[in-house]
Amino acid sequence: MASSSKTPPLDDAGGVAAPGRSQPPEGWVERLCRWLCEFAIVSMILMVASEVFLRNVLGLSLQSADELGGYLLVGVSFLSLSTCFVSGAFHKVEFIDGRLGERGHALRKLIFDAISLAFCLLLLWQLTRLVLRSWEGGDFAATLLGTPLWIPQLSMPLGIAALCYSLVKSLWADVRWLSAVGWRSRSQ
């Protein structure tokens, strides 16, 4: 397939790349979260495969595979947020961005990231309170393992904190992008 000069450049997620936009790269926080998610997914696969093998071949059960799998699933759900954000894996409203100019697109992204950060900071505060209450109250899961609930709950504020960090990096990139758009429009 030949590309024409009128075809707009694509970003890493396959969407139309806005000129001058600087998406922050994956840093050590996002990389660590991605590695933890990969480890959790591989652990879930091994646990489920072991459970299937043990039940069908030996007639035994791990008894706690469901519980541990649920904890790992919650961990993956929250720890993957920052990695997904910097890689552009979240939904985008491209029909709006297509109608906006570069300045409007940069301003929309700045406002959206600021609102997202405010929401995530509120969520971080509440999830931290949840973990602290579980820690102080000595809450345990009513299961065979009797897991202290603060341990699996800890992945929730950690994942949101990582997302807040990524949003701050993105806000800084948005401000630089918006100022670069302003300089380009003034120089023309």
Protein backbone atom coordinates (compact mmCIF):
# COMPACT_ATOMS: atom_id res chain seq x y z
CA MET A 1 0.00 0.00 0.00
CA ALA A 2 1.50 3.29 -1.08
CA SER A 3 1.20 6.26 1.19
CA SER A 4 0.32 9.62 -0.21
CA SER A 5 1.59 12.96 1.00
CA LYS A 6 -1.96 13.86 2.07
CA THR A 7 -2.19 10.98 4.54
CA PRO A 8 -1.85 12.37 8.05
CA PRO A 9 0.86 10.86 10.26
CA LEU A 10 -0.28 8.24 12.74
CA ASP A 11 0.64 8.07 16.42
CA ASP A 12 1.69 4.91 18.27
CA ALA A 13 -1.93 3.92 18.93
CA GLY A 14 -2.84 4.14 15.24
CA GLY A 15 -4.76 7.41 15.57
CA VAL A 16 -4.04 10.61 13.74
CA ALA A 17 -1.07 12.30 15.35
CA ALA A 18 -1.50 15.95 16.11
CA PRO A 19 1.39 18.05 14.86
CA GLY A 20 3.72 19.11 17.62
CA ARG A 21 2.05 16.96 20.25
CA SER A 22 4.47 15.44 22.70
CA GLN A 23 3.05 12.41 24.49
CA PRO A 24 5.23 11.64 27.50
CA PRO A 25 7.18 8.41 27.03
CA GLU A 26 6.87 5.39 29.25
CA GLY A 27 9.00 6.12 32.31
CA TRP A 28 10.23 3.88 35.09
CA VAL A 29 6.91 4.08 36.99
CA GLU A 30 4.86 2.96 34.01
CA ARG A 31 7.45 0.30 33.14
CA LEU A 32 7.38 -1.07 36.71
CA CYS A 33 3.57 -1.20 36.63
CA ARG A 34 3.69 -2.99 33.26
CA TRP A 35 6.16 -5.57 34.62
CA LEU A 36 4.02 -6.15 37.70
CA CYS A 37 0.96 -6.66 35.48
CA GLU A 38 2.85 -9.08 33.26
CA PHE A 39 3.98 -11.04 36.32
CA ALA A 40 0.42 -11.11 37.69
CA ILE A 41 -1.03 -12.33 34.38
CA VAL A 42 1.58 -15.08 34.05
CA SER A 43 0.88 -16.06 37.68
CA MET A 44 -2.85 -16.26 36.95
CA ILE A 45 -2.22 -18.42 33.89
CA LEU A 46 0.00 -20.79 35.87
CA MET A 47 -2.47 -20.93 38.74
CA VAL A 48 -5.46 -21.70 36.51
CA ALA A 49 -3.48 -24.27 34.51
CA SER A 50 -2.34 -25.93 37.74
CA GLU A 51 -5.89 -25.97 39.09
CA VAL A 52 -7.23 -27.53 35.88
CA PHE A 53 -4.47 -30.14 35.84
CA LEU A 54 -4.81 -31.02 39.51
CA ARG A 55 -8.62 -31.31 39.36
CA ASN A 56 -8.76 -33.37 36.17
CA VAL A 57 -5.74 -35.61 36.66
CA LEU A 58 -5.29 -35.99 40.41
CA GLY A 59 -8.72 -35.04 41.71
CA LEU A 60 -7.23 -32.33 43.96
CA SER A 61 -7.84 -28.61 44.24
CA LEU A 62 -5.69 -25.66 45.26
CA GLN A 63 -8.73 -24.31 47.18
CA SER A 64 -7.49 -20.72 47.02
CA ALA A 65 -6.90 -20.26 43.29
CA ASP A 66 -10.13 -18.27 42.87
CA GLU A 67 -9.29 -15.94 45.73
CA LEU A 68 -5.71 -15.33 44.60
CA GLY A 69 -6.84 -14.94 40.99
CA GLY A 70 -9.33 -12.29 42.07
CA TYR A 71 -6.66 -10.39 43.98
CA LEU A 72 -4.34 -10.52 40.98
CA LEU A 73 -7.13 -9.36 38.67
CA VAL A 74 -7.75 -6.30 40.85
CA GLY A 75 -4.01 -5.61 40.86
CA VAL A 76 -3.80 -5.82 37.06
CA SER A 77 -6.87 -3.60 36.68
CA PHE A 78 -5.37 -0.77 38.72
CA LEU A 79 -1.65 -1.15 38.01
CA SER A 80 -2.21 -1.18 34.25
CA LEU A 81 -3.85 2.28 34.22
CA SER A 82 -0.64 4.33 33.91
CA THR A 83 0.85 2.04 31.27
CA CYS A 84 -2.34 2.15 29.23
CA PHE A 85 -2.50 5.93 29.56
CA VAL A 86 1.01 6.66 28.26
CA SER A 87 0.64 4.14 25.44
CA GLY A 88 -2.58 5.80 24.24
CA ALA A 89 -4.74 2.73 24.82
CA PHE A 90 -7.71 4.61 26.30
CA HIS A 91 -10.70 5.63 24.20
CA LYS A 92 -10.42 8.82 22.19
CA VAL A 93 -13.05 11.06 20.71
CA GLU A 94 -11.37 11.63 17.35
CA PHE A 95 -14.36 13.19 15.59
CA ILE A 96 -14.10 16.16 17.98
CA ASP A 97 -10.34 16.45 17.61
CA GLY A 98 -10.72 16.35 13.82
CA ARG A 99 -12.88 19.47 13.93
CA LEU A 100 -10.58 21.37 16.26
CA GLY A 101 -7.41 23.01 15.13
CA GLU A 102 -4.10 22.21 16.73
CA ARG A 103 -4.61 24.87 19.39
CA GLY A 104 -8.13 23.64 20.20
CA HIS A 105 -6.92 20.06 20.36
CA ALA A 106 -4.07 21.02 22.71
CA LEU A 107 -6.43 23.02 24.92
CA ARG A 108 -9.01 20.21 25.01
CA LYS A 109 -6.33 17.72 26.00
CA LEU A 110 -4.99 20.02 28.71
CA ILE A 111 -8.47 20.50 30.20
CA PHE A 112 -9.30 16.80 29.99
CA ASP A 113 -6.01 15.77 31.63
CA ALA A 114 -6.50 18.36 34.40
CA ILE A 115 -10.03 17.11 35.14
CA SER A 116 -8.78 13.51 35.04
CA LEU A 117 -5.99 14.35 37.48
CA ALA A 118 -8.45 16.03 39.88
CA PHE A 119 -10.73 12.96 39.77
CA CYS A 120 -7.78 10.57 40.25
CA LEU A 121 -6.47 12.56 43.22
CA LEU A 122 -9.90 12.32 44.84
CA LEU A 123 -10.00 8.59 44.12
CA LEU A 124 -6.45 8.20 45.49
CA TRP A 125 -7.49 9.89 48.73
CA GLN A 126 -10.52 7.62 49.17
CA LEU A 127 -8.65 4.42 48.28
CA THR A 128 -5.86 5.32 50.69
CA ARG A 129 -8.48 5.81 53.42
CA LEU A 130 -9.93 2.37 52.57
CA VAL A 131 -6.54 0.66 52.90
CA LEU A 132 -5.76 2.48 56.15
CA ARG A 133 -9.13 1.50 57.64
CA SER A 134 -8.54 -2.13 56.69
CA TRP A 135 -5.05 -1.96 58.22
CA GLU A 136 -6.19 -0.31 61.45
CA GLY A 137 -9.31 -2.43 61.77
CA GLY A 138 -7.44 -5.68 61.21
CA ASP A 139 -9.89 -6.76 58.48
CA PHE A 140 -9.34 -10.23 57.05
CA ALA A 141 -11.00 -12.01 54.13
CA ALA A 142 -13.60 -14.54 55.24
CA THR A 143 -11.91 -17.25 53.21
CA LEU A 144 -9.65 -20.24 53.74
CA LEU A 145 -6.53 -18.09 53.39
CA GLY A 146 -7.80 -15.34 55.68
CA THR A 147 -5.84 -12.70 53.78
CA PRO A 148 -5.45 -9.34 55.51
CA LEU A 149 -7.55 -7.15 53.21
CA TRP A 150 -5.09 -4.26 53.13
CA ILE A 151 -2.66 -6.41 51.12
CA PRO A 152 -4.81 -6.85 47.96
CA GLN A 153 -6.36 -3.40 48.48
CA LEU A 154 -2.92 -1.78 48.36
CA SER A 155 -2.72 -2.29 44.60
CA MET A 156 -5.65 0.12 44.14
CA PRO A 157 -4.07 3.31 45.56
CA LEU A 158 -0.68 2.35 44.12
CA GLY A 159 -2.18 2.01 40.64
CA ILE A 160 -4.07 5.30 40.94
CA ALA A 161 -0.92 7.03 42.28
CA ALA A 162 0.98 5.79 39.22
CA LEU A 163 -1.81 7.13 36.99
CA CYS A 164 -1.63 10.50 38.79
CA TYR A 165 2.11 10.59 38.11
CA SER A 166 1.50 9.85 34.41
CA LEU A 167 -1.21 12.52 34.27
CA VAL A 168 1.15 15.11 35.78
CA LYS A 169 3.75 14.22 33.13
CA SER A 170 1.07 14.52 30.46
CA LEU A 171 -0.13 17.87 31.82
CA TRP A 172 3.43 19.17 31.60
CA ALA A 173 3.62 17.94 27.98
CA ASP A 174 0.21 19.56 27.29
CA VAL A 175 1.41 22.92 28.62
CA ARG A 176 4.55 22.74 26.48
CA TRP A 177 2.49 21.72 23.44
CA LEU A 178 0.01 24.55 23.97
CA SER A 179 2.80 27.10 24.34
CA ALA A 180 4.53 25.76 21.21
CA VAL A 181 1.26 26.11 19.29
CA GLY A 182 0.97 29.69 20.56
CA TRP A 183 4.52 30.48 19.43
CA ARG A 184 3.92 28.95 16.00
CA SER A 185 0.67 30.88 15.52
CA ARG A 186 2.34 34.17 16.53
CA SER A 187 5.31 33.64 14.22
CA GLN A 188 3.10 33.01 11.18
